[in-house]
PDB file of all heavy atoms in Angstrom:
ATOM      1  N   GLU A   1     162.656  31.516 140.151  1.00  0.00           N
ATOM      2  CA  GLU A   1     163.616  30.453 139.818  1.00  0.00           C
ATOM      3  C   GLU A   1     165.019  31.026 139.849  1.00  0.00           C
ATOM      4  O   GLU A   1     165.330  31.973 139.121  1.00  0.00           O
ATOM      5  CB  GLU A   1     163.317  29.878 138.428  1.00  0.00           C
ATOM      6  CG  GLU A   1     164.279  28.778 137.995  1.00  0.00           C
ATOM      7  CD  GLU A   1     163.942  28.236 136.621  1.00  0.00           C
ATOM      8  OE1 GLU A   1     162.780  27.843 136.415  1.00  0.00           O
ATOM      9  OE2 GLU A   1     164.839  28.225 135.761  1.00  0.00           O
ATOM     10  N   GLY A   2     165.877  30.465 140.712  1.00  0.00           N
ATOM     11  CA  GLY A   2     167.279  30.877 140.758  1.00  0.00           C
ATOM     12  C   GLY A   2     167.489  32.340 141.088  1.00  0.00           C
ATOM     13  O   GLY A   2     168.354  32.992 140.519  1.00  0.00           O
ATOM     14  N   GLY A   3     166.683  32.892 142.018  1.00  0.00           N
ATOM     15  CA  GLY A   3     166.866  34.283 142.397  1.00  0.00           C
ATOM     16  C   GLY A   3     166.272  35.266 141.411  1.00  0.00           C
ATOM     17  O   GLY A   3     166.562  36.469 141.509  1.00  0.00           O
ATOM     18  N   SER A   4     165.457  34.800 140.482  1.00  0.00           N
ATOM     19  CA  SER A   4     164.860  35.679 139.475  1.00  0.00           C
ATOM     20  C   SER A   4     163.354  35.467 139.437  1.00  0.00           C
ATOM     21  O   SER A   4     162.852  34.352 139.646  1.00  0.00           O
ATOM     22  CB  SER A   4     165.450  35.393 138.088  1.00  0.00           C
ATOM     23  OG  SER A   4     166.814  35.694 138.055  1.00  0.00           O
ATOM     24  N   LEU A   5     162.660  36.552 139.158  1.00  0.00           N
ATOM     25  CA  LEU A   5     161.225  36.491 138.912  1.00  0.00           C
ATOM     26  C   LEU A   5     160.997  36.151 137.446  1.00  0.00           C
ATOM     27  O   LEU A   5     161.658  36.701 136.568  1.00  0.00           O
ATOM     28  CB  LEU A   5     160.592  37.852 139.227  1.00  0.00           C
ATOM     29  CG  LEU A   5     159.180  38.095 138.673  1.00  0.00           C
ATOM     30  CD1 LEU A   5     158.159  37.218 139.390  1.00  0.00           C
ATOM     31  CD2 LEU A   5     158.810  39.562 138.770  1.00  0.00           C
ATOM     32  N   ARG A   6     160.055  35.224 137.182  1.00  0.00           N
ATOM     33  CA  ARG A   6     159.706  34.857 135.821  1.00  0.00           C
ATOM     34  C   ARG A   6     158.223  35.155 135.607  1.00  0.00           C
ATOM     35  O   ARG A   6     157.369  34.657 136.326  1.00  0.00           O
ATOM     36  CB  ARG A   6     159.967  33.368 135.576  1.00  0.00           C
ATOM     37  CG  ARG A   6     161.427  33.004 135.445  1.00  0.00           C
ATOM     38  CD  ARG A   6     161.671  31.507 135.551  1.00  0.00           C
ATOM     39  NE  ARG A   6     160.594  30.713 134.986  1.00  0.00           N
ATOM     40  CZ  ARG A   6     160.599  30.182 133.761  1.00  0.00           C
ATOM     41  NH1 ARG A   6     161.633  30.386 132.977  1.00  0.00           N
ATOM     42  NH2 ARG A   6     159.600  29.437 133.335  1.00  0.00           N
ATOM     43  N   ILE A   7     157.958  36.003 134.590  1.00  0.00           N
ATOM     44  CA  ILE A   7     156.589  36.298 134.176  1.00  0.00           C
ATOM     45  C   ILE A   7     156.432  35.736 132.765  1.00  0.00           C
ATOM     46  O   ILE A   7     157.035  36.249 131.814  1.00  0.00           O
ATOM     47  CB  ILE A   7     156.282  37.798 134.201  1.00  0.00           C
ATOM     48  CG1 ILE A   7     156.560  38.374 135.599  1.00  0.00           C
ATOM     49  CG2 ILE A   7     154.837  38.064 133.792  1.00  0.00           C
ATOM     50  CD1 ILE A   7     156.353  39.873 135.700  1.00  0.00           C
ATOM     51  N   ALA A   8     155.678  34.653 132.621  1.00  0.00           N
ATOM     52  CA  ALA A   8     155.498  33.992 131.334  1.00  0.00           C
ATOM     53  C   ALA A   8     154.130  34.355 130.766  1.00  0.00           C
ATOM     54  O   ALA A   8     153.109  34.223 131.451  1.00  0.00           O
ATOM     55  CB  ALA A   8     155.619  32.480 131.491  1.00  0.00           C
ATOM     56  N   VAL A   9     154.115  34.827 129.527  1.00  0.00           N
ATOM     57  CA  VAL A   9     152.870  35.190 128.827  1.00  0.00           C
ATOM     58  C   VAL A   9     152.720  34.240 127.645  1.00  0.00           C
ATOM     59  O   VAL A   9     153.590  34.208 126.757  1.00  0.00           O
ATOM     60  CB  VAL A   9     152.903  36.657 128.363  1.00  0.00           C
ATOM     61  CG1 VAL A   9     151.618  36.996 127.618  1.00  0.00           C
ATOM     62  CG2 VAL A   9     153.098  37.596 129.542  1.00  0.00           C
ATOM     63  N   ARG A  10     151.615  33.474 127.648  1.00  0.00           N
ATOM     64  CA  ARG A  10     151.419  32.500 126.578  1.00  0.00           C
ATOM     65  C   ARG A  10     150.080  32.741 125.895  1.00  0.00           C
ATOM     66  O   ARG A  10     149.074  33.039 126.539  1.00  0.00           O
ATOM     67  CB  ARG A  10     151.435  31.075 127.132  1.00  0.00           C
ATOM     68  CG  ARG A  10     151.132  30.064 126.019  1.00  0.00           C
ATOM     69  CD  ARG A  10     151.106  28.656 126.457  1.00  0.00           C
ATOM     70  NE  ARG A  10     150.791  27.784 125.329  1.00  0.00           N
ATOM     71  CZ  ARG A  10     150.789  26.477 125.376  1.00  0.00           C
ATOM     72  NH1 ARG A  10     151.090  25.858 126.513  1.00  0.00           N
ATOM     73  NH2 ARG A  10     150.474  25.764 124.311  1.00  0.00           N
ATOM     74  N   ASP A  11     150.094  32.598 124.549  1.00  0.00           N
ATOM     75  CA  ASP A  11     148.851  32.636 123.780  1.00  0.00           C
ATOM     76  C   ASP A  11     148.693  31.305 123.062  1.00  0.00           C
ATOM     77  O   ASP A  11     149.602  30.479 123.032  1.00  0.00           O
ATOM     78  CB  ASP A  11     148.860  33.811 122.795  1.00  0.00           C
ATOM     79  CG  ASP A  11     149.942  33.666 121.736  1.00  0.00           C
ATOM     80  OD1 ASP A  11     149.796  32.802 120.845  1.00  0.00           O
ATOM     81  OD2 ASP A  11     150.959  34.409 121.799  1.00  0.00           O
ATOM     82  N   TYR A  12     147.533  31.118 122.448  1.00  0.00           N
ATOM     83  CA  TYR A  12     147.240  29.884 121.718  1.00  0.00           C
ATOM     84  C   TYR A  12     146.918  30.212 120.261  1.00  0.00           C
ATOM     85  O   TYR A  12     146.025  29.632 119.653  1.00  0.00           O
ATOM     86  CB  TYR A  12     146.071  29.149 122.382  1.00  0.00           C
ATOM     87  CG  TYR A  12     146.375  28.753 123.798  1.00  0.00           C
ATOM     88  CD1 TYR A  12     146.025  29.596 124.857  1.00  0.00           C
ATOM     89  CD2 TYR A  12     147.034  27.573 124.084  1.00  0.00           C
ATOM     90  CE1 TYR A  12     146.323  29.255 126.163  1.00  0.00           C
ATOM     91  CE2 TYR A  12     147.322  27.219 125.388  1.00  0.00           C
ATOM     92  CZ  TYR A  12     146.976  28.072 126.435  1.00  0.00           C
ATOM     93  OH  TYR A  12     147.283  27.726 127.722  1.00  0.00           O
ATOM     94  N   GLY A  13     147.660  31.221 119.738  1.00  0.00           N
ATOM     95  CA  GLY A  13     147.436  31.692 118.371  1.00  0.00           C
ATOM     96  C   GLY A  13     148.155  30.848 117.338  1.00  0.00           C
ATOM     97  O   GLY A  13     148.410  29.654 117.528  1.00  0.00           O
ATOM     98  N   SER A  14     148.532  31.514 116.270  1.00  0.00           N
ATOM     99  CA  SER A  14     149.109  30.811 115.120  1.00  0.00           C
ATOM    100  C   SER A  14     150.578  30.456 115.300  1.00  0.00           C
ATOM    101  O   SER A  14     151.142  29.693 114.518  1.00  0.00           O
ATOM    102  CB  SER A  14     148.952  31.662 113.854  1.00  0.00           C
ATOM    103  OG  SER A  14     149.534  32.942 114.063  1.00  0.00           O
ATOM    104  N   GLY A  15     151.220  31.025 116.323  1.00  0.00           N
ATOM    105  CA  GLY A  15     152.631  30.701 116.553  1.00  0.00           C
ATOM    106  C   GLY A  15     153.541  31.361 115.533  1.00  0.00           C
ATOM    107  O   GLY A  15     153.158  32.309 114.825  1.00  0.00           O
ATOM    108  N   MET A  16     154.798  30.849 115.421  1.00  0.00           N
ATOM    109  CA  MET A  16     155.774  31.438 114.501  1.00  0.00           C
ATOM    110  C   MET A  16     156.748  30.362 114.049  1.00  0.00           C
ATOM    111  O   MET A  16     156.951  29.358 114.734  1.00  0.00           O
ATOM    112  CB  MET A  16     156.534  32.583 115.184  1.00  0.00           C
ATOM    113  CG  MET A  16     157.441  32.133 116.326  1.00  0.00           C
ATOM    114  SD  MET A  16     158.112  33.505 117.270  1.00  0.00           S
ATOM    115  CE  MET A  16     156.682  33.878 118.287  1.00  0.00           C
ATOM    116  N   ASN A  17     157.356  30.596 112.862  1.00  0.00           N
ATOM    117  CA  ASN A  17     158.334  29.647 112.343  1.00  0.00           C
ATOM    118  C   ASN A  17     159.716  29.929 112.943  1.00  0.00           C
ATOM    119  O   ASN A  17     159.921  30.932 113.642  1.00  0.00           O
ATOM    120  CB  ASN A  17     158.380  29.677 110.815  1.00  0.00           C
ATOM    121  CG  ASN A  17     158.660  31.070 110.274  1.00  0.00           C
ATOM    122  OD1 ASN A  17     159.434  31.829 110.865  1.00  0.00           O
ATOM    123  ND2 ASN A  17     158.011  31.418 109.161  1.00  0.00           N
ATOM    124  N   GLU A  18     160.701  29.048 112.632  1.00  0.00           N
ATOM    125  CA  GLU A  18     162.036  29.172 113.230  1.00  0.00           C
ATOM    126  C   GLU A  18     162.767  30.423 112.760  1.00  0.00           C
ATOM    127  O   GLU A  18     163.493  31.054 113.523  1.00  0.00           O
ATOM    128  CB  GLU A  18     162.870  27.925 112.914  1.00  0.00           C
ATOM    129  CG  GLU A  18     162.409  26.679 113.638  1.00  0.00           C
ATOM    130  CD  GLU A  18     162.470  26.828 115.147  1.00  0.00           C
ATOM    131  OE1 GLU A  18     163.368  27.529 115.638  1.00  0.00           O
ATOM    132  OE2 GLU A  18     161.602  26.256 115.824  1.00  0.00           O
ATOM    133  N   SER A  19     162.604  30.795 111.489  1.00  0.00           N
ATOM    134  CA  SER A  19     163.308  31.986 110.978  1.00  0.00           C
ATOM    135  C   SER A  19     162.796  33.239 111.674  1.00  0.00           C
ATOM    136  O   SER A  19     163.570  34.138 112.022  1.00  0.00           O
ATOM    137  CB  SER A  19     163.121  32.094 109.462  1.00  0.00           C
ATOM    138  OG  SER A  19     161.744  32.225 109.137  1.00  0.00           O
ATOM    139  N   ALA A  20     161.453  33.319 111.898  1.00  0.00           N
ATOM    140  CA  ALA A  20     160.914  34.472 112.611  1.00  0.00           C
ATOM    141  C   ALA A  20     161.351  34.471 114.069  1.00  0.00           C
ATOM    142  O   ALA A  20     161.670  35.516 114.644  1.00  0.00           O
ATOM    143  CB  ALA A  20     159.389  34.471 112.506  1.00  0.00           C
ATOM    144  N   ARG A  21     161.405  33.294 114.705  1.00  0.00           N
ATOM    145  CA  ARG A  21     161.837  33.200 116.099  1.00  0.00           C
ATOM    146  C   ARG A  21     163.279  33.687 116.268  1.00  0.00           C
ATOM    147  O   ARG A  21     163.607  34.340 117.266  1.00  0.00           O
ATOM    148  CB  ARG A  21     161.711  31.758 116.582  1.00  0.00           C
ATOM    149  CG  ARG A  21     162.051  31.561 118.059  1.00  0.00           C
ATOM    150  CD  ARG A  21     162.079  30.071 118.396  1.00  0.00           C
ATOM    151  NE  ARG A  21     160.778  29.463 118.152  1.00  0.00           N
ATOM    152  CZ  ARG A  21     159.796  29.439 119.063  1.00  0.00           C
ATOM    153  NH1 ARG A  21     159.980  30.001 120.242  1.00  0.00           N
ATOM    154  NH2 ARG A  21     158.652  28.848 118.777  1.00  0.00           N
ATOM    155  N   ALA A  22     164.130  33.375 115.269  1.00  0.00           N
ATOM    156  CA  ALA A  22     165.536  33.777 115.375  1.00  0.00           C
ATOM    157  C   ALA A  22     165.714  35.283 115.269  1.00  0.00           C
ATOM    158  O   ALA A  22     166.701  35.830 115.748  1.00  0.00           O
ATOM    159  CB  ALA A  22     166.365  33.076 114.298  1.00  0.00           C
ATOM    160  N   ARG A  23     164.754  35.985 114.650  1.00  0.00           N
ATOM    161  CA  ARG A  23     164.917  37.434 114.423  1.00  0.00           C
ATOM    162  C   ARG A  23     163.934  38.272 115.226  1.00  0.00           C
ATOM    163  O   ARG A  23     163.764  39.466 114.946  1.00  0.00           O
ATOM    164  CB  ARG A  23     164.757  37.733 112.933  1.00  0.00           C
ATOM    165  CG  ARG A  23     165.730  36.995 112.031  1.00  0.00           C
ATOM    166  CD  ARG A  23     165.529  37.413 110.588  1.00  0.00           C
ATOM    167  NE  ARG A  23     165.733  38.843 110.410  1.00  0.00           N
ATOM    168  CZ  ARG A  23     165.368  39.513 109.321  1.00  0.00           C
ATOM    169  NH1 ARG A  23     164.768  38.882 108.337  1.00  0.00           N
ATOM    170  NH2 ARG A  23     165.574  40.814 109.222  1.00  0.00           N
ATOM    171  N   LEU A  24     163.270  37.671 116.209  1.00  0.00           N
ATOM    172  CA  LEU A  24     162.204  38.356 116.923  1.00  0.00           C
ATOM    173  C   LEU A  24     162.635  39.696 117.519  1.00  0.00           C
ATOM    174  O   LEU A  24     161.896  40.672 117.470  1.00  0.00           O
ATOM    175  CB  LEU A  24     161.679  37.458 118.046  1.00  0.00           C
ATOM    176  CG  LEU A  24     160.543  36.507 117.675  1.00  0.00           C
ATOM    177  CD1 LEU A  24     160.180  35.652 118.873  1.00  0.00           C
ATOM    178  CD2 LEU A  24     159.332  37.285 117.195  1.00  0.00           C
ATOM    179  N   PHE A  25     163.837  39.729 118.082  1.00  0.00           N
ATOM    180  CA  PHE A  25     164.256  40.905 118.841  1.00  0.00           C
ATOM    181  C   PHE A  25     165.135  41.844 118.028  1.00  0.00           C
ATOM    182  O   PHE A  25     165.752  42.743 118.595  1.00  0.00           O
ATOM    183  CB  PHE A  25     164.992  40.466 120.111  1.00  0.00           C
ATOM    184  CG  PHE A  25     164.121  39.653 121.024  1.00  0.00           C
ATOM    185  CD1 PHE A  25     164.201  38.268 121.045  1.00  0.00           C
ATOM    186  CD2 PHE A  25     163.205  40.270 121.850  1.00  0.00           C
ATOM    187  CE1 PHE A  25     163.401  37.522 121.883  1.00  0.00           C
ATOM    188  CE2 PHE A  25     162.392  39.525 122.691  1.00  0.00           C
ATOM    189  CZ  PHE A  25     162.480  38.148 122.706  1.00  0.00           C
ATOM    190  N   GLU A  26     165.191  41.653 116.713  1.00  0.00           N
ATOM    191  CA  GLU A  26     165.919  42.592 115.865  1.00  0.00           C
ATOM    192  C   GLU A  26     165.082  43.843 115.650  1.00  0.00           C
ATOM    193  O   GLU A  26     163.870  43.766 115.466  1.00  0.00           O
ATOM    194  CB  GLU A  26     166.251  41.955 114.511  1.00  0.00           C
ATOM    195  CG  GLU A  26     167.231  40.799 114.592  1.00  0.00           C
ATOM    196  CD  GLU A  26     167.549  40.253 113.215  1.00  0.00           C
ATOM    197  OE1 GLU A  26     167.150  40.895 112.222  1.00  0.00           O
ATOM    198  OE2 GLU A  26     168.190  39.181 113.137  1.00  0.00           O
ATOM    199  N   SER A  27     165.776  44.984 115.665  1.00  0.00           N
ATOM    200  CA  SER A  27     165.059  46.230 115.407  1.00  0.00           C
ATOM    201  C   SER A  27     164.509  46.239 113.993  1.00  0.00           C
ATOM    202  O   SER A  27     165.173  45.800 113.038  1.00  0.00           O
ATOM    203  CB  SER A  27     165.992  47.426 115.618  1.00  0.00           C
ATOM    204  OG  SER A  27     166.450  47.461 116.952  1.00  0.00           O
ATOM    205  N   PHE A  28     163.257  46.719 113.858  1.00  0.00           N
ATOM    206  CA  PHE A  28     162.564  46.886 112.570  1.00  0.00           C
ATOM    207  C   PHE A  28     162.184  45.553 111.926  1.00  0.00           C
ATOM    208  O   PHE A  28     161.829  45.534 110.758  1.00  0.00           O
ATOM    209  CB  PHE A  28     163.396  47.727 111.585  1.00  0.00           C
ATOM    210  CG  PHE A  28     163.793  49.064 112.128  1.00  0.00           C
ATOM    211  CD1 PHE A  28     165.113  49.318 112.489  1.00  0.00           C
ATOM    212  CD2 PHE A  28     162.840  50.062 112.320  1.00  0.00           C
ATOM    213  CE1 PHE A  28     165.480  50.554 113.008  1.00  0.00           C
ATOM    214  CE2 PHE A  28     163.204  51.290 112.846  1.00  0.00           C
ATOM    215  CZ  PHE A  28     164.519  51.551 113.187  1.00  0.00           C
ATOM    216  N   PHE A  29     162.273  44.462 112.672  1.00  0.00           N
ATOM    217  CA  PHE A  29     161.748  43.194 112.152  1.00  0.00           C
ATOM    218  C   PHE A  29     160.356  42.976 112.722  1.00  0.00           C
ATOM    219  O   PHE A  29     160.141  43.058 113.933  1.00  0.00           O
ATOM    220  CB  PHE A  29     162.650  42.028 112.539  1.00  0.00           C
ATOM    221  CG  PHE A  29     162.065  40.679 112.160  1.00  0.00           C
ATOM    222  CD1 PHE A  29     162.111  40.256 110.842  1.00  0.00           C
ATOM    223  CD2 PHE A  29     161.432  39.884 113.110  1.00  0.00           C
ATOM    224  CE1 PHE A  29     161.562  39.027 110.490  1.00  0.00           C
ATOM    225  CE2 PHE A  29     160.881  38.668 112.757  1.00  0.00           C
ATOM    226  CZ  PHE A  29     160.944  38.242 111.435  1.00  0.00           C
ATOM    227  N   THR A  30     159.388  42.699 111.867  1.00  0.00           N
ATOM    228  CA  THR A  30     158.024  42.500 112.307  1.00  0.00           C
ATOM    229  C   THR A  30     157.334  41.482 111.412  1.00  0.00           C
ATOM    230  O   THR A  30     157.687  41.326 110.237  1.00  0.00           O
ATOM    231  CB  THR A  30     157.241  43.823 112.293  1.00  0.00           C
ATOM    232  OG1 THR A  30     155.908  43.574 112.733  1.00  0.00           O
ATOM    233  CG2 THR A  30     157.194  44.422 110.899  1.00  0.00           C
ATOM    234  N   THR A  31     156.361  40.774 111.990  1.00  0.00           N
ATOM    235  CA  THR A  31     155.555  39.840 111.214  1.00  0.00           C
ATOM    236  C   THR A  31     154.168  40.412 110.935  1.00  0.00           C
ATOM    237  O   THR A  31     153.321  39.733 110.360  1.00  0.00           O
ATOM    238  CB  THR A  31     155.412  38.517 111.982  1.00  0.00           C
ATOM    239  OG1 THR A  31     154.826  38.770 113.257  1.00  0.00           O
ATOM    240  CG2 THR A  31     156.773  37.857 112.176  1.00  0.00           C
ATOM    241  N   LYS A  32     153.941  41.658 111.390  1.00  0.00           N
ATOM    242  CA  LYS A  32     152.656  42.305 111.180  1.00  0.00           C
ATOM    243  C   LYS A  32     152.719  43.193 109.950  1.00  0.00           C
ATOM    244  O   LYS A  32     153.752  43.838 109.691  1.00  0.00           O
ATOM    245  CB  LYS A  32     152.267  43.143 112.402  1.00  0.00           C
ATOM    246  CG  LYS A  32     152.229  42.351 113.700  1.00  0.00           C
ATOM    247  CD  LYS A  32     151.922  43.275 114.863  1.00  0.00           C
ATOM    248  CE  LYS A  32     151.985  42.534 116.186  1.00  0.00           C
ATOM    249  NZ  LYS A  32     151.748  43.444 117.336  1.00  0.00           N
ATOM    250  N   ALA A  33     151.597  43.291 109.259  1.00  0.00           N
ATOM    251  CA  ALA A  33     151.576  44.107 108.040  1.00  0.00           C
ATOM    252  C   ALA A  33     151.763  45.579 108.363  1.00  0.00           C
ATOM    253  O   ALA A  33     152.368  46.333 107.579  1.00  0.00           O
ATOM    254  CB  ALA A  33     150.255  43.883 107.289  1.00  0.00           C
ATOM    255  N   ASP A  34     151.241  46.045 109.535  1.00  0.00           N
ATOM    256  CA  ASP A  34     151.330  47.458 109.891  1.00  0.00           C
ATOM    257  C   ASP A  34     152.254  47.696 111.076  1.00  0.00           C
ATOM    258  O   ASP A  34     152.168  48.727 111.737  1.00  0.00           O
ATOM    259  CB  ASP A  34     149.933  48.008 110.201  1.00  0.00           C
ATOM    260  CG  ASP A  34     149.247  47.191 111.306  1.00  0.00           C
ATOM    261  OD1 ASP A  34     149.787  46.113 111.652  1.00  0.00           O
ATOM    262  OD2 ASP A  34     148.192  47.624 111.796  1.00  0.00           O
ATOM    263  N   GLY A  35     153.125  46.734 111.395  1.00  0.00           N
ATOM    264  CA  GLY A  35     154.017  46.888 112.539  1.00  0.00           C
ATOM    265  C   GLY A  35     155.275  47.657 112.204  1.00  0.00           C
ATOM    266  O   GLY A  35     155.693  47.733 111.040  1.00  0.00           O
ATOM    267  N   LEU A  36     155.896  48.241 113.253  1.00  0.00           N
ATOM    268  CA  LEU A  36     157.151  48.979 113.071  1.00  0.00           C
ATOM    269  C   LEU A  36     158.374  48.121 113.365  1.00  0.00           C
ATOM    270  O   LEU A  36     159.478  48.463 112.965  1.00  0.00           O
ATOM    271  CB  LEU A  36     157.179  50.210 113.991  1.00  0.00           C
ATOM    272  CG  LEU A  36     156.098  51.266 113.735  1.00  0.00           C
ATOM    273  CD1 LEU A  36     156.220  52.373 114.763  1.00  0.00           C
ATOM    274  CD2 LEU A  36     156.228  51.823 112.334  1.00  0.00           C
ATOM    275  N   GLY A  37     158.219  47.035 114.099  1.00  0.00           N
ATOM    276  CA  GLY A  37     159.353  46.185 114.429  1.00  0.00           C
ATOM    277  C   GLY A  37     160.210  46.734 115.550  1.00  0.00           C
ATOM    278  O   GLY A  37     161.390  46.406 115.655  1.00  0.00           O
ATOM    279  N   LEU A  38     159.661  47.603 116.418  1.00  0.00           N
ATOM    280  CA  LEU A  38     160.441  48.192 117.510  1.00  0.00           C
ATOM    281  C   LEU A  38     159.996  47.703 118.884  1.00  0.00           C
ATOM    282  O   LEU A  38     160.715  47.845 119.857  1.00  0.00           O
ATOM    283  CB  LEU A  38     160.334  49.724 117.467  1.00  0.00           C
ATOM    284  CG  LEU A  38     160.989  50.403 116.273  1.00  0.00           C
ATOM    285  CD1 LEU A  38     160.677  51.887 116.299  1.00  0.00           C
ATOM    286  CD2 LEU A  38     162.487  50.182 116.286  1.00  0.00           C
ATOM    287  N   GLY A  39     158.750  47.165 118.987  1.00  0.00           N
ATOM    288  CA  GLY A  39     158.194  46.829 120.292  1.00  0.00           C
ATOM    289  C   GLY A  39     159.040  45.856 121.085  1.00  0.00           C
ATOM    290  O   GLY A  39     159.463  46.146 122.208  1.00  0.00           O
ATOM    291  N   LEU A  40     159.306  44.668 120.528  1.00  0.00           N
ATOM    292  CA  LEU A  40     160.066  43.663 121.257  1.00  0.00           C
ATOM    293  C   LEU A  40     161.507  44.085 121.481  1.00  0.00           C
ATOM    294  O   LEU A  40     162.125  43.744 122.494  1.00  0.00           O
ATOM    295  CB  LEU A  40     160.014  42.327 120.517  1.00  0.00           C
ATOM    296  CG  LEU A  40     158.669  41.592 120.577  1.00  0.00           C
ATOM    297  CD1 LEU A  40     158.730  40.318 119.747  1.00  0.00           C
ATOM    298  CD2 LEU A  40     158.303  41.268 122.019  1.00  0.00           C
ATOM    299  N   SER A  41     162.089  44.817 120.521  1.00  0.00           N
ATOM    300  CA  SER A  41     163.459  45.296 120.702  1.00  0.00           C
ATOM    301  C   SER A  41     163.553  46.236 121.888  1.00  0.00           C
ATOM    302  O   SER A  41     164.457  46.134 122.724  1.00  0.00           O
ATOM    303  CB  SER A  41     163.928  45.997 119.420  1.00  0.00           C
ATOM    304  OG  SER A  41     165.207  46.546 119.600  1.00  0.00           O
ATOM    305  N   ILE A  42     162.588  47.158 121.996  1.00  0.00           N
ATOM    306  CA  ILE A  42     162.594  48.083 123.136  1.00  0.00           C
ATOM    307  C   ILE A  42     162.304  47.328 124.424  1.00  0.00           C
ATOM    308  O   ILE A  42     162.914  47.594 125.478  1.00  0.00           O
ATOM    309  CB  ILE A  42     161.565  49.200 122.902  1.00  0.00           C
ATOM    310  CG1 ILE A  42     162.019  50.089 121.737  1.00  0.00           C
ATOM    311  CG2 ILE A  42     161.374  50.035 124.163  1.00  0.00           C
ATOM    312  CD1 ILE A  42     161.035  51.152 121.342  1.00  0.00           C
ATOM    313  N   CYS A  43     161.379  46.357 124.394  1.00  0.00           N
ATOM    314  CA  CYS A  43     161.071  45.577 125.586  1.00  0.00           C
ATOM    315  C   CYS A  43     162.293  44.816 126.094  1.00  0.00           C
ATOM    316  O   CYS A  43     162.547  44.736 127.302  1.00  0.00           O
ATOM    317  CB  CYS A  43     159.938  44.600 125.287  1.00  0.00           C
ATOM    318  SG  CYS A  43     158.328  45.414 125.065  1.00  0.00           S
ATOM    319  N   ARG A  44     163.065  44.226 125.184  1.00  0.00           N
ATOM    320  CA  ARG A  44     164.278  43.534 125.617  1.00  0.00           C
ATOM    321  C   ARG A  44     165.266  44.518 126.234  1.00  0.00           C
ATOM    322  O   ARG A  44     165.907  44.217 127.247  1.00  0.00           O
ATOM    323  CB  ARG A  44     164.914  42.818 124.434  1.00  0.00           C
ATOM    324  CG  ARG A  44     166.312  42.295 124.741  1.00  0.00           C
ATOM    325  CD  ARG A  44     166.869  41.414 123.654  1.00  0.00           C
ATOM    326  NE  ARG A  44     166.423  40.027 123.839  1.00  0.00           N
ATOM    327  CZ  ARG A  44     166.924  38.998 123.164  1.00  0.00           C
ATOM    328  NH1 ARG A  44     167.863  39.194 122.263  1.00  0.00           N
ATOM    329  NH2 ARG A  44     166.489  37.773 123.373  1.00  0.00           N
ATOM    330  N   SER A  45     165.410  45.721 125.642  1.00  0.00           N
ATOM    331  CA  SER A  45     166.318  46.725 126.214  1.00  0.00           C
ATOM    332  C   SER A  45     165.874  47.093 127.622  1.00  0.00           C
ATOM    333  O   SER A  45     166.706  47.263 128.524  1.00  0.00           O
ATOM    334  CB  SER A  45     166.348  47.966 125.321  1.00  0.00           C
ATOM    335  OG  SER A  45     166.822  47.653 124.038  1.00  0.00           O
ATOM    336  N   ILE A  46     164.545  47.222 127.853  1.00  0.00           N
ATOM    337  CA  ILE A  46     164.049  47.548 129.193  1.00  0.00           C
ATOM    338  C   ILE A  46     164.390  46.415 130.160  1.00  0.00           C
ATOM    339  O   ILE A  46     164.850  46.642 131.290  1.00  0.00           O
ATOM    340  CB  ILE A  46     162.535  47.795 129.138  1.00  0.00           C
ATOM    341  CG1 ILE A  46     162.233  49.084 128.343  1.00  0.00           C
ATOM    342  CG2 ILE A  46     161.943  47.886 130.540  1.00  0.00           C
ATOM    343  CD1 ILE A  46     160.768  49.334 128.110  1.00  0.00           C
TER     344      ILE A  46
END
């Protein structure tokens, strides 16, 4: 689309609320009990 490749990954899990969606890519923010909160931040940087 528009000169860009789009790879969309969708699940049918529990989803997320608006407050979590707004902070998804912040470093050290996680919704997992044992998560570090770095995965999505590093993925966005890549």
